Amino acid sequence: MSKPLPPTLREKSRYLVVEFICGVQITKKDFGRVLWKTVLQVLGENGVSRLNLWIIDWDHGLGRGIVKVTHDSVDEMRACIALIKEINGVEVTPRVTYVSGTLRKAQSKL
């Protein structure tokens, strides 16, 4: 059985609160598909591996969610989210409303 990594050796994460303004509900599956497609097109496979991208939480009723990335790649992730213009043929306006170092604070802003 292996020991967990001490906090000094763990990779630092940032949590982005993302919001999409549109007239329809967006599911987590649709958001994830479009986000991964956009990130792969912009950064390539090597860039995606550096992001350590995870969709933590998603509220399909409000079109908001929390995306986890490494602390070095926040600007790259913001750029990729800004490039999303439509989901399932519906025009959307993406917005990163908050960036946090802790999941609890990001969830309070959701």
Foldseek 3Di string as FASTA:
>chain_A
DDDDDPPVPDFFKKKWKKAKDFDAFDDPVQVVVLLVVLCCVPPNPVSVVQFPWDWDAADRVRRIGIIMGTPVCPVVSVVSQCPDQDTPPTGIGMDGPDMGRDPVVSVVVD
